[in-house]
Structure formats: C-alpha cells, structure tokens
Amino acid sequence: MALFMLMGKYSPAALKAILETGSDREAAARQALEAAGGKLLGFYGMFGQDYNVAIIAEVPGNAEYIGAIAPALMSGTFSDFKSIPLFTSADVQKASKIAKKVAGKYRPPTS
C-alpha cells in the first residue's frame, strides 16, 4: 500500500459553500478513497498556511490515488494542491537491505 499526503487550497467558491452549508469534507474524502480501494488515515485543516487542508491517504498504488482525487481536482474544489508521497520507518528498513545489495553492483562515475 502507498501513502500520500494531499495538501489542498480550496477555491473561493468551494470554501464559501463549505462554510455556508457546513459540508463534511472529511466524509467526502473518505468516501472517494474507499471507492478507489484506499483508506483515509487523516484529515486536517490548517490555519495561516498556503493550503487549507491536509489529507493522509493509504491506497494500493498511484492509479488508485489519482482516481480518488481526480474528481475533486476536475470539479474545481481546489485552486491549488500538492501531492506528497510518504514512507514509513519500515520502508526505510527495507530500503536499507536493498541498498546493501545494490551497493556491491553500483560503480560511481570516474574521470
């Protein structure tokens, strides 16, 4: 499973609608991720930042992540966003073992 953080800046129209209606965007994010085979791990608002919301998602892969967020992006919900791939300590431990195998095969460039 892959981990991603989506940082989104709501468009003025979306922010107005959220504040006027009290729309539960966490539930909407959860529903979208689950429909793509993923899981919502966290949903956080942010004060005084370039982005209004940070969403932490666990999905089977890149395609599922893109499929889960595409409808929100295409609808104009966000005026700007950033997707950040995340990794765990277990990923680093696994990578360390792989790096040791690769190190014996890799040769740096020489002049």
PDB file of N, CA and C in Angstrom:
ATOM      1  N   MET A   1       0.848  -1.192   0.000  1.00  0.00           N
ATOM      2  CA  MET A   1       0.000   0.000   0.000  1.00  0.00           C
ATOM      3  C   MET A   1       0.885   1.244   0.000  1.00  0.00           C
ATOM      4  N   ALA A   2       0.443   2.254  -0.721  1.00  0.00           N
ATOM      5  CA  ALA A   2       1.179   3.509  -0.836  1.00  0.00           C
ATOM      6  C   ALA A   2       0.520   4.568   0.059  1.00  0.00           C
ATOM      7  N   LEU A   3       1.353   5.446   0.586  1.00  0.00           N
ATOM      8  CA  LEU A   3       0.874   6.546   1.420  1.00  0.00           C
ATOM      9  C   LEU A   3       1.093   7.870   0.694  1.00  0.00           C
ATOM     10  N   PHE A   4       0.094   8.738   0.770  1.00  0.00           N
ATOM     11  CA  PHE A   4       0.187  10.056   0.172  1.00  0.00           C
ATOM     12  C   PHE A   4      -0.399  11.096   1.116  1.00  0.00           C
ATOM     13  N   MET A   5       0.142  12.306   1.030  1.00  0.00           N
ATOM     14  CA  MET A   5      -0.477  13.454   1.670  1.00  0.00           C
ATOM     15  C   MET A   5      -0.904  14.405   0.557  1.00  0.00           C
ATOM     16  N   LEU A   6      -2.168  14.746   0.540  1.00  0.00           N
ATOM     17  CA  LEU A   6      -2.691  15.752  -0.371  1.00  0.00           C
ATOM     18  C   LEU A   6      -2.845  17.032   0.437  1.00  0.00           C
ATOM     19  N   MET A   7      -2.200  18.087  -0.017  1.00  0.00           N
ATOM     20  CA  MET A   7      -2.397  19.402   0.586  1.00  0.00           C
ATOM     21  C   MET A   7      -3.186  20.209  -0.429  1.00  0.00           C
ATOM     22  N   GLY A   8      -4.348  20.710  -0.026  1.00  0.00           N
ATOM     23  CA  GLY A   8      -5.221  21.408  -0.952  1.00  0.00           C
ATOM     24  C   GLY A   8      -5.582  22.799  -0.482  1.00  0.00           C
ATOM     25  N   LYS A   9      -5.684  23.700  -1.446  1.00  0.00           N
ATOM     26  CA  LYS A   9      -6.171  25.050  -1.200  1.00  0.00           C
ATOM     27  C   LYS A   9      -7.547  25.138  -1.844  1.00  0.00           C
ATOM     28  N   TYR A  10      -8.573  25.269  -1.014  1.00  0.00           N
ATOM     29  CA  TYR A  10      -9.921  25.337  -1.544  1.00  0.00           C
ATOM     30  C   TYR A  10     -10.090  26.568  -2.426  1.00  0.00           C
ATOM     31  N   SER A  11     -10.830  26.408  -3.508  1.00  0.00           N
ATOM     32  CA  SER A  11     -11.171  27.560  -4.343  1.00  0.00           C
ATOM     33  C   SER A  11     -12.095  28.458  -3.523  1.00  0.00           C
ATOM     34  N   PRO A  12     -12.166  29.747  -3.856  1.00  0.00           N
ATOM     35  CA  PRO A  12     -13.086  30.628  -3.124  1.00  0.00           C
ATOM     36  C   PRO A  12     -14.531  30.125  -3.141  1.00  0.00           C
ATOM     37  N   ALA A  13     -14.979  29.598  -4.276  1.00  0.00           N
ATOM     38  CA  ALA A  13     -16.362  29.094  -4.361  1.00  0.00           C
ATOM     39  C   ALA A  13     -16.568  27.885  -3.457  1.00  0.00           C
ATOM     40  N   ALA A  14     -15.582  26.989  -3.433  1.00  0.00           N
ATOM     41  CA  ALA A  14     -15.706  25.797  -2.587  1.00  0.00           C
ATOM     42  C   ALA A  14     -15.685  26.181  -1.109  1.00  0.00           C
ATOM     43  N   LEU A  15     -14.789  27.077  -0.731  1.00  0.00           N
ATOM     44  CA  LEU A  15     -14.695  27.500   0.669  1.00  0.00           C
ATOM     45  C   LEU A  15     -15.990  28.176   1.113  1.00  0.00           C
ATOM     46  N   LYS A  16     -16.556  29.000   0.242  1.00  0.00           N
ATOM     47  CA  LYS A  16     -17.829  29.664   0.555  1.00  0.00           C
ATOM     48  C   LYS A  16     -18.923  28.624   0.776  1.00  0.00           C
ATOM     49  N   ALA A  17     -19.010  27.628  -0.116  1.00  0.00           N
ATOM     50  CA  ALA A  17     -20.040  26.593   0.005  1.00  0.00           C
ATOM     51  C   ALA A  17     -19.855  25.764   1.277  1.00  0.00           C
ATOM     52  N   ILE A  18     -18.605  25.434   1.602  1.00  0.00           N
ATOM     53  CA  ILE A  18     -18.330  24.646   2.815  1.00  0.00           C
ATOM     54  C   ILE A  18     -18.776  25.412   4.052  1.00  0.00           C
ATOM     55  N   LEU A  19     -18.417  26.694   4.112  1.00  0.00           N
ATOM     56  CA  LEU A  19     -18.763  27.494   5.291  1.00  0.00           C
ATOM     57  C   LEU A  19     -20.258  27.776   5.388  1.00  0.00           C
ATOM     58  N   GLU A  20     -20.922  27.956   4.257  1.00  0.00           N
ATOM     59  CA  GLU A  20     -22.364  28.220   4.280  1.00  0.00           C
ATOM     60  C   GLU A  20     -23.186  26.983   4.618  1.00  0.00           C
ATOM     61  N   THR A  21     -22.750  25.817   4.140  1.00  0.00           N
ATOM     62  CA  THR A  21     -23.558  24.606   4.318  1.00  0.00           C
ATOM     63  C   THR A  21     -23.077  23.706   5.454  1.00  0.00           C
ATOM     64  N   GLY A  22     -21.832  23.898   5.895  1.00  0.00           N
ATOM     65  CA  GLY A  22     -21.282  23.002   6.908  1.00  0.00           C
ATOM     66  C   GLY A  22     -20.972  21.625   6.343  1.00  0.00           C
ATOM     67  N   SER A  23     -20.742  21.552   5.042  1.00  0.00           N
ATOM     68  CA  SER A  23     -20.470  20.291   4.352  1.00  0.00           C
ATOM     69  C   SER A  23     -19.317  19.534   4.999  1.00  0.00           C
ATOM     70  N   ASP A  24     -19.507  18.249   5.227  1.00  0.00           N
ATOM     71  CA  ASP A  24     -18.488  17.394   5.850  1.00  0.00           C
ATOM     72  C   ASP A  24     -17.522  16.892   4.783  1.00  0.00           C
ATOM     73  N   ARG A  25     -16.446  17.610   4.567  1.00  0.00           N
ATOM     74  CA  ARG A  25     -15.487  17.243   3.530  1.00  0.00           C
ATOM     75  C   ARG A  25     -14.654  16.031   3.923  1.00  0.00           C
ATOM     76  N   GLU A  26     -14.506  15.767   5.217  1.00  0.00           N
ATOM     77  CA  GLU A  26     -13.801  14.557   5.647  1.00  0.00           C
ATOM     78  C   GLU A  26     -14.569  13.324   5.191  1.00  0.00           C
ATOM     79  N   ALA A  27     -15.876  13.336   5.345  1.00  0.00           N
ATOM     80  CA  ALA A  27     -16.699  12.204   4.898  1.00  0.00           C
ATOM     81  C   ALA A  27     -16.601  12.050   3.381  1.00  0.00           C
ATOM     82  N   ALA A  28     -16.567  13.163   2.654  1.00  0.00           N
ATOM     83  CA  ALA A  28     -16.447  13.101   1.198  1.00  0.00           C
ATOM     84  C   ALA A  28     -15.099  12.512   0.787  1.00  0.00           C
ATOM     85  N   ALA A  29     -14.037  12.910   1.471  1.00  0.00           N
ATOM     86  CA  ALA A  29     -12.705  12.370   1.175  1.00  0.00           C
ATOM     87  C   ALA A  29     -12.651  10.875   1.489  1.00  0.00           C
ATOM     88  N   ARG A  30     -13.228  10.478   2.611  1.00  0.00           N
ATOM     89  CA  ARG A  30     -13.252   9.061   2.996  1.00  0.00           C
ATOM     90  C   ARG A  30     -13.989   8.234   1.940  1.00  0.00           C
ATOM     91  N   GLN A  31     -15.124   8.724   1.503  1.00  0.00           N
ATOM     92  CA  GLN A  31     -15.931   8.009   0.512  1.00  0.00           C
ATOM     93  C   GLN A  31     -15.168   7.863  -0.807  1.00  0.00           C
ATOM     94  N   ALA A  32     -14.508   8.919  -1.256  1.00  0.00           N
ATOM     95  CA  ALA A  32     -13.754   8.869  -2.516  1.00  0.00           C
ATOM     96  C   ALA A  32     -12.604   7.873  -2.422  1.00  0.00           C
ATOM     97  N   LEU A  33     -11.867   7.909  -1.319  1.00  0.00           N
ATOM     98  CA  LEU A  33     -10.726   6.995  -1.162  1.00  0.00           C
ATOM     99  C   LEU A  33     -11.183   5.542  -1.065  1.00  0.00           C
ATOM    100  N   GLU A  34     -12.234   5.303  -0.323  1.00  0.00           N
ATOM    101  CA  GLU A  34     -12.738   3.931  -0.188  1.00  0.00           C
ATOM    102  C   GLU A  34     -13.252   3.405  -1.523  1.00  0.00           C
ATOM    103  N   ALA A  35     -13.865   4.261  -2.339  1.00  0.00           N
ATOM    104  CA  ALA A  35     -14.355   3.840  -3.657  1.00  0.00           C
ATOM    105  C   ALA A  35     -13.203   3.427  -4.568  1.00  0.00           C
ATOM    106  N   ALA A  36     -12.007   3.979  -4.303  1.00  0.00           N
ATOM    107  CA  ALA A  36     -10.826   3.643  -5.094  1.00  0.00           C
ATOM    108  C   ALA A  36      -9.992   2.537  -4.450  1.00  0.00           C
ATOM    109  N   GLY A  37     -10.514   1.928  -3.378  1.00  0.00           N
ATOM    110  CA  GLY A  37      -9.799   0.849  -2.715  1.00  0.00           C
ATOM    111  C   GLY A  37      -8.817   1.308  -1.661  1.00  0.00           C
ATOM    112  N   GLY A  38      -8.920   2.565  -1.259  1.00  0.00           N
ATOM    113  CA  GLY A  38      -7.993   3.117  -0.273  1.00  0.00           C
ATOM    114  C   GLY A  38      -8.646   3.380   1.064  1.00  0.00           C
ATOM    115  N   LYS A  39      -7.899   4.094   1.902  1.00  0.00           N
ATOM    116  CA  LYS A  39      -8.357   4.369   3.257  1.00  0.00           C
ATOM    117  C   LYS A  39      -7.903   5.776   3.647  1.00  0.00           C
ATOM    118  N   LEU A  40      -8.784   6.525   4.282  1.00  0.00           N
ATOM    119  CA  LEU A  40      -8.453   7.836   4.815  1.00  0.00           C
ATOM    120  C   LEU A  40      -7.808   7.643   6.181  1.00  0.00           C
ATOM    121  N   LEU A  41      -6.578   8.094   6.335  1.00  0.00           N
ATOM    122  CA  LEU A  41      -5.874   7.977   7.613  1.00  0.00           C
ATOM    123  C   LEU A  41      -5.936   9.254   8.438  1.00  0.00           C
ATOM    124  N   GLY A  42      -6.097  10.392   7.767  1.00  0.00           N
ATOM    125  CA  GLY A  42      -6.173  11.659   8.488  1.00  0.00           C
ATOM    126  C   GLY A  42      -6.711  12.763   7.602  1.00  0.00           C
ATOM    127  N   PHE A  43      -7.423  13.689   8.221  1.00  0.00           N
ATOM    128  CA  PHE A  43      -7.997  14.834   7.518  1.00  0.00           C
ATOM    129  C   PHE A  43      -7.866  16.027   8.449  1.00  0.00           C
ATOM    130  N   TYR A  44      -7.061  17.011   8.056  1.00  0.00           N
ATOM    131  CA  TYR A  44      -6.729  18.115   8.955  1.00  0.00           C
ATOM    132  C   TYR A  44      -6.853  19.454   8.247  1.00  0.00           C
ATOM    133  N   GLY A  45      -7.450  20.420   8.926  1.00  0.00           N
ATOM    134  CA  GLY A  45      -7.454  21.797   8.454  1.00  0.00           C
ATOM    135  C   GLY A  45      -6.195  22.485   8.946  1.00  0.00           C
ATOM    136  N   MET A  46      -5.796  23.549   8.246  1.00  0.00           N
ATOM    137  CA  MET A  46      -4.577  24.266   8.628  1.00  0.00           C
ATOM    138  C   MET A  46      -4.838  25.763   8.627  1.00  0.00           C
ATOM    139  N   PHE A  47      -4.414  26.445   9.684  1.00  0.00           N
ATOM    140  CA  PHE A  47      -4.507  27.903   9.789  1.00  0.00           C
ATOM    141  C   PHE A  47      -3.222  28.544   9.285  1.00  0.00           C
ATOM    142  N   GLY A  48      -3.347  29.687   8.635  1.00  0.00           N
ATOM    143  CA  GLY A  48      -2.198  30.507   8.280  1.00  0.00           C
ATOM    144  C   GLY A  48      -1.194  29.854   7.346  1.00  0.00           C
ATOM    145  N   GLN A  49      -1.636  28.914   6.551  1.00  0.00           N
ATOM    146  CA  GLN A  49      -0.749  28.215   5.631  1.00  0.00           C
ATOM    147  C   GLN A  49      -1.182  28.495   4.196  1.00  0.00           C
ATOM    148  N   ASP A  50      -0.362  28.111   3.251  1.00  0.00           N
ATOM    149  CA  ASP A  50      -0.718  28.269   1.845  1.00  0.00           C
ATOM    150  C   ASP A  50      -1.856  27.334   1.438  1.00  0.00           C
ATOM    151  N   TYR A  51      -2.042  26.260   2.189  1.00  0.00           N
ATOM    152  CA  TYR A  51      -3.089  25.277   1.907  1.00  0.00           C
ATOM    153  C   TYR A  51      -4.048  25.215   3.085  1.00  0.00           C
ATOM    154  N   ASN A  52      -5.316  24.879   2.805  1.00  0.00           N
ATOM    155  CA  ASN A  52      -6.349  24.829   3.837  1.00  0.00           C
ATOM    156  C   ASN A  52      -6.509  23.474   4.492  1.00  0.00           C
ATOM    157  N   VAL A  53      -6.124  22.418   3.759  1.00  0.00           N
ATOM    158  CA  VAL A  53      -6.413  21.070   4.238  1.00  0.00           C
ATOM    159  C   VAL A  53      -5.260  20.126   3.895  1.00  0.00           C
ATOM    160  N   ALA A  54      -5.013  19.179   4.798  1.00  0.00           N
ATOM    161  CA  ALA A  54      -4.041  18.105   4.558  1.00  0.00           C
ATOM    162  C   ALA A  54      -4.776  16.788   4.756  1.00  0.00           C
ATOM    163  N   ILE A  55      -4.660  15.930   3.764  1.00  0.00           N
ATOM    164  CA  ILE A  55      -5.328  14.628   3.791  1.00  0.00           C
ATOM    165  C   ILE A  55      -4.250  13.554   3.693  1.00  0.00           C
ATOM    166  N   ILE A  56      -4.267  12.607   4.614  1.00  0.00           N
ATOM    167  CA  ILE A  56      -3.335  11.482   4.578  1.00  0.00           C
ATOM    168  C   ILE A  56      -4.123  10.264   4.114  1.00  0.00           C
ATOM    169  N   ALA A  57      -3.641   9.642   3.033  1.00  0.00           N
ATOM    170  CA  ALA A  57      -4.363   8.526   2.417  1.00  0.00           C
ATOM    171  C   ALA A  57      -3.454   7.328   2.229  1.00  0.00           C
ATOM    172  N   GLU A  58      -4.030   6.152   2.391  1.00  0.00           N
ATOM    173  CA  GLU A  58      -3.348   4.893   2.085  1.00  0.00           C
ATOM    174  C   GLU A  58      -4.123   4.253   0.942  1.00  0.00           C
ATOM    175  N   VAL A  59      -3.431   3.979  -0.155  1.00  0.00           N
ATOM    176  CA  VAL A  59      -4.064   3.422  -1.348  1.00  0.00           C
ATOM    177  C   VAL A  59      -3.202   2.294  -1.904  1.00  0.00           C
ATOM    178  N   PRO A  60      -3.797   1.414  -2.721  1.00  0.00           N
ATOM    179  CA  PRO A  60      -2.997   0.328  -3.286  1.00  0.00           C
ATOM    180  C   PRO A  60      -1.839   0.805  -4.168  1.00  0.00           C
ATOM    181  N   GLY A  61      -2.017   1.926  -4.872  1.00  0.00           N
ATOM    182  CA  GLY A  61      -0.956   2.398  -5.756  1.00  0.00           C
ATOM    183  C   GLY A  61      -1.272   3.758  -6.335  1.00  0.00           C
ATOM    184  N   ASN A  62      -0.420   4.203  -7.247  1.00  0.00           N
ATOM    185  CA  ASN A  62      -0.565   5.521  -7.859  1.00  0.00           C
ATOM    186  C   ASN A  62      -1.888   5.679  -8.598  1.00  0.00           C
ATOM    187  N   ALA A  63      -2.275   4.676  -9.363  1.00  0.00           N
ATOM    188  CA  ALA A  63      -3.506   4.779 -10.151  1.00  0.00           C
ATOM    189  C   ALA A  63      -4.725   4.981  -9.248  1.00  0.00           C
ATOM    190  N   GLU A  64      -4.777   4.268  -8.150  1.00  0.00           N
ATOM    191  CA  GLU A  64      -5.904   4.399  -7.222  1.00  0.00           C
ATOM    192  C   GLU A  64      -5.921   5.787  -6.579  1.00  0.00           C
ATOM    193  N   TYR A  65      -4.739   6.300  -6.253  1.00  0.00           N
ATOM    194  CA  TYR A  65      -4.661   7.638  -5.670  1.00  0.00           C
ATOM    195  C   TYR A  65      -5.160   8.675  -6.674  1.00  0.00           C
ATOM    196  N   ILE A  66      -4.654   8.605  -7.894  1.00  0.00           N
ATOM    197  CA  ILE A  66      -5.067   9.555  -8.924  1.00  0.00           C
ATOM    198  C   ILE A  66      -6.571   9.456  -9.164  1.00  0.00           C
ATOM    199  N   GLY A  67      -7.074   8.228  -9.247  1.00  0.00           N
ATOM    200  CA  GLY A  67      -8.510   8.031  -9.451  1.00  0.00           C
ATOM    201  C   GLY A  67      -9.347   8.592  -8.317  1.00  0.00           C
ATOM    202  N   ALA A  68      -8.841   8.503  -7.096  1.00  0.00           N
ATOM    203  CA  ALA A  68      -9.586   9.001  -5.936  1.00  0.00           C
ATOM    204  C   ALA A  68      -9.642  10.522  -5.891  1.00  0.00           C
ATOM    205  N   ILE A  69      -8.552  11.187  -6.280  1.00  0.00           N
ATOM    206  CA  ILE A  69      -8.529  12.647  -6.164  1.00  0.00           C
ATOM    207  C   ILE A  69      -8.972  13.374  -7.432  1.00  0.00           C
ATOM    208  N   ALA A  70      -8.950  12.688  -8.578  1.00  0.00           N
ATOM    209  CA  ALA A  70      -9.270  13.341  -9.853  1.00  0.00           C
ATOM    210  C   ALA A  70     -10.636  14.032  -9.858  1.00  0.00           C
ATOM    211  N   PRO A  71     -11.695  13.405  -9.354  1.00  0.00           N
ATOM    212  CA  PRO A  71     -12.991  14.098  -9.391  1.00  0.00           C
ATOM    213  C   PRO A  71     -12.988  15.424  -8.624  1.00  0.00           C
ATOM    214  N   ALA A  72     -12.317  15.477  -7.484  1.00  0.00           N
ATOM    215  CA  ALA A  72     -12.247  16.734  -6.726  1.00  0.00           C
ATOM    216  C   ALA A  72     -11.432  17.773  -7.485  1.00  0.00           C
ATOM    217  N   LEU A  73     -10.331  17.340  -8.096  1.00  0.00           N
ATOM    218  CA  LEU A  73      -9.497  18.278  -8.844  1.00  0.00           C
ATOM    219  C   LEU A  73     -10.231  18.818 -10.059  1.00  0.00           C
ATOM    220  N   MET A  74     -10.921  17.943 -10.775  1.00  0.00           N
ATOM    221  CA  MET A  74     -11.618  18.340 -12.000  1.00  0.00           C
ATOM    222  C   MET A  74     -12.852  19.199 -11.710  1.00  0.00           C
ATOM    223  N   SER A  75     -13.389  19.097 -10.493  1.00  0.00           N
ATOM    224  CA  SER A  75     -14.593  19.863 -10.154  1.00  0.00           C
ATOM    225  C   SER A  75     -14.292  21.304  -9.787  1.00  0.00           C
ATOM    226  N   GLY A  76     -13.012  21.630  -9.588  1.00  0.00           N
ATOM    227  CA  GLY A  76     -12.651  22.981  -9.173  1.00  0.00           C
ATOM    228  C   GLY A  76     -12.690  23.175  -7.670  1.00  0.00           C
ATOM    229  N   THR A  77     -12.802  22.104  -6.908  1.00  0.00           N
ATOM    230  CA  THR A  77     -12.810  22.208  -5.450  1.00  0.00           C
ATOM    231  C   THR A  77     -11.540  22.884  -4.949  1.00  0.00           C
ATOM    232  N   PHE A  78     -10.417  22.559  -5.564  1.00  0.00           N
ATOM    233  CA  PHE A  78      -9.134  23.134  -5.142  1.00  0.00           C
ATOM    234  C   PHE A  78      -8.618  24.096  -6.209  1.00  0.00           C
ATOM    235  N   SER A  79      -8.139  25.253  -5.759  1.00  0.00           N
ATOM    236  CA  SER A  79      -7.486  26.179  -6.674  1.00  0.00           C
ATOM    237  C   SER A  79      -6.005  25.828  -6.815  1.00  0.00           C
ATOM    238  N   ASP A  80      -5.480  25.059  -5.868  1.00  0.00           N
ATOM    239  CA  ASP A  80      -4.095  24.605  -5.908  1.00  0.00           C
ATOM    240  C   ASP A  80      -4.001  23.377  -5.010  1.00  0.00           C
ATOM    241  N   PHE A  81      -3.067  22.497  -5.331  1.00  0.00           N
ATOM    242  CA  PHE A  81      -2.867  21.315  -4.499  1.00  0.00           C
ATOM    243  C   PHE A  81      -1.454  20.803  -4.683  1.00  0.00           C
ATOM    244  N   LYS A  82      -1.062  19.961  -3.756  1.00  0.00           N
ATOM    245  CA  LYS A  82       0.236  19.295  -3.790  1.00  0.00           C
ATOM    246  C   LYS A  82       0.015  17.861  -3.344  1.00  0.00           C
ATOM    247  N   SER A  83       0.593  16.907  -4.061  1.00  0.00           N
ATOM    248  CA  SER A  83       0.566  15.509  -3.643  1.00  0.00           C
ATOM    249  C   SER A  83       1.969  15.130  -3.212  1.00  0.00           C
ATOM    250  N   ILE A  84       2.082  14.589  -2.018  1.00  0.00           N
ATOM    251  CA  ILE A  84       3.383  14.241  -1.457  1.00  0.00           C
ATOM    252  C   ILE A  84       3.392  12.751  -1.121  1.00  0.00           C
ATOM    253  N   PRO A  85       4.229  11.955  -1.812  1.00  0.00           N
ATOM    254  CA  PRO A  85       4.356  10.541  -1.441  1.00  0.00           C
ATOM    255  C   PRO A  85       5.029  10.447  -0.064  1.00  0.00           C
ATOM    256  N   LEU A  86       4.542   9.559   0.753  1.00  0.00           N
ATOM    257  CA  LEU A  86       5.083   9.374   2.104  1.00  0.00           C
ATOM    258  C   LEU A  86       5.676   7.979   2.242  1.00  0.00           C
ATOM    259  N   PHE A  87       6.572   7.809   3.211  1.00  0.00           N
ATOM    260  CA  PHE A  87       7.104   6.480   3.507  1.00  0.00           C
ATOM    261  C   PHE A  87       7.227   6.314   5.013  1.00  0.00           C
ATOM    262  N   THR A  88       7.289   5.055   5.429  1.00  0.00           N
ATOM    263  CA  THR A  88       7.339   4.719   6.848  1.00  0.00           C
ATOM    264  C   THR A  88       8.751   4.295   7.250  1.00  0.00           C
ATOM    265  N   SER A  89       8.941   4.132   8.523  1.00  0.00           N
ATOM    266  CA  SER A  89      10.209   3.618   9.041  1.00  0.00           C
ATOM    267  C   SER A  89      10.471   2.212   8.498  1.00  0.00           C
ATOM    268  N   ALA A  90       9.426   1.417   8.381  1.00  0.00           N
ATOM    269  CA  ALA A  90       9.569   0.065   7.824  1.00  0.00           C
ATOM    270  C   ALA A  90      10.061   0.121   6.378  1.00  0.00           C
ATOM    271  N   ASP A  91       9.614   1.123   5.617  1.00  0.00           N
ATOM    272  CA  ASP A  91      10.095   1.288   4.244  1.00  0.00           C
ATOM    273  C   ASP A  91      11.592   1.573   4.224  1.00  0.00           C
ATOM    274  N   VAL A  92      12.054   2.396   5.159  1.00  0.00           N
ATOM    275  CA  VAL A  92      13.485   2.722   5.227  1.00  0.00           C
ATOM    276  C   VAL A  92      14.294   1.478   5.588  1.00  0.00           C
ATOM    277  N   GLN A  93      13.792   0.686   6.510  1.00  0.00           N
ATOM    278  CA  GLN A  93      14.491  -0.548   6.891  1.00  0.00           C
ATOM    279  C   GLN A  93      14.590  -1.499   5.699  1.00  0.00           C
ATOM    280  N   LYS A  94      13.518  -1.638   4.949  1.00  0.00           N
ATOM    281  CA  LYS A  94      13.514  -2.492   3.761  1.00  0.00           C
ATOM    282  C   LYS A  94      14.476  -1.932   2.710  1.00  0.00           C
ATOM    283  N   ALA A  95      14.440  -0.623   2.517  1.00  0.00           N
ATOM    284  CA  ALA A  95      15.324   0.024   1.549  1.00  0.00           C
ATOM    285  C   ALA A  95      16.794  -0.151   1.922  1.00  0.00           C
ATOM    286  N   SER A  96      17.088  -0.150   3.200  1.00  0.00           N
ATOM    287  CA  SER A  96      18.463  -0.327   3.663  1.00  0.00           C
ATOM    288  C   SER A  96      19.014  -1.679   3.223  1.00  0.00           C
ATOM    289  N   LYS A  97      18.206  -2.702   3.322  1.00  0.00           N
ATOM    290  CA  LYS A  97      18.622  -4.043   2.889  1.00  0.00           C
ATOM    291  C   LYS A  97      18.839  -4.080   1.374  1.00  0.00           C
ATOM    292  N   ILE A  98      17.959  -3.430   0.641  1.00  0.00           N
ATOM    293  CA  ILE A  98      18.088  -3.387  -0.818  1.00  0.00           C
ATOM    294  C   ILE A  98      19.335  -2.600  -1.206  1.00  0.00           C
ATOM    295  N   ALA A  99      19.570  -1.478  -0.529  1.00  0.00           N
ATOM    296  CA  ALA A  99      20.731  -0.638  -0.837  1.00  0.00           C
ATOM    297  C   ALA A  99      22.042  -1.394  -0.629  1.00  0.00           C
ATOM    298  N   LYS A 100      22.075  -2.252   0.365  1.00  0.00           N
ATOM    299  CA  LYS A 100      23.291  -3.048   0.606  1.00  0.00           C
ATOM    300  C   LYS A 100      23.553  -3.998  -0.560  1.00  0.00           C
ATOM    301  N   LYS A 101      22.499  -4.576  -1.124  1.00  0.00           N
ATOM    302  CA  LYS A 101      22.652  -5.454  -2.284  1.00  0.00           C
ATOM    303  C   LYS A 101      23.098  -4.663  -3.512  1.00  0.00           C
ATOM    304  N   VAL A 102      22.501  -3.507  -3.699  1.00  0.00           N
ATOM    305  CA  VAL A 102      22.804  -2.677  -4.862  1.00  0.00           C
ATOM    306  C   VAL A 102      24.213  -2.094  -4.770  1.00  0.00           C
ATOM    307  N   ALA A 103      24.655  -1.745  -3.577  1.00  0.00           N
ATOM    308  CA  ALA A 103      25.967  -1.114  -3.390  1.00  0.00           C
ATOM    309  C   ALA A 103      27.096  -1.961  -3.975  1.00  0.00           C
ATOM    310  N   GLY A 104      26.979  -3.273  -3.905  1.00  0.00           N
ATOM    311  CA  GLY A 104      28.005  -4.146  -4.462  1.00  0.00           C
ATOM    312  C   GLY A 104      28.006  -4.175  -5.983  1.00  0.00           C
ATOM    313  N   LYS A 105      26.934  -3.721  -6.590  1.00  0.00           N
ATOM    314  CA  LYS A 105      26.789  -3.737  -8.054  1.00  0.00           C
ATOM    315  C   LYS A 105      27.021  -2.358  -8.677  1.00  0.00           C
ATOM    316  N   TYR A 106      26.865  -1.318  -7.904  1.00  0.00           N
ATOM    317  CA  TYR A 106      26.931   0.047  -8.435  1.00  0.00           C
ATOM    318  C   TYR A 106      28.373   0.564  -8.435  1.00  0.00           C
ATOM    319  N   ARG A 107      28.731   1.215  -9.506  1.00  0.00           N
ATOM    320  CA  ARG A 107      30.028   1.857  -9.618  1.00  0.00           C
ATOM    321  C   ARG A 107      29.813   3.331  -9.956  1.00  0.00           C
ATOM    322  N   PRO A 108      30.340   4.249  -9.135  1.00  0.00           N
ATOM    323  CA  PRO A 108      30.167   5.670  -9.442  1.00  0.00           C
ATOM    324  C   PRO A 108      30.994   6.063 -10.670  1.00  0.00           C
ATOM    325  N   PRO A 109      30.601   7.156 -11.317  1.00  0.00           N
ATOM    326  CA  PRO A 109      31.376   7.599 -12.481  1.00  0.00           C
ATOM    327  C   PRO A 109      32.782   8.053 -12.063  1.00  0.00           C
ATOM    328  N   THR A 110      33.711   7.821 -12.943  1.00  0.00           N
ATOM    329  CA  THR A 110      35.088   8.259 -12.674  1.00  0.00           C
ATOM    330  C   THR A 110      35.576   9.072 -13.861  1.00  0.00           C
ATOM    331  N   SER A 111      36.583   9.874 -13.599  1.00  0.00           N
ATOM    332  CA  SER A 111      37.120  10.686 -14.705  1.00  0.00           C
ATOM    333  C   SER A 111      38.326  10.045 -15.330  1.00  0.00           C
TER     334      SER A 111
END
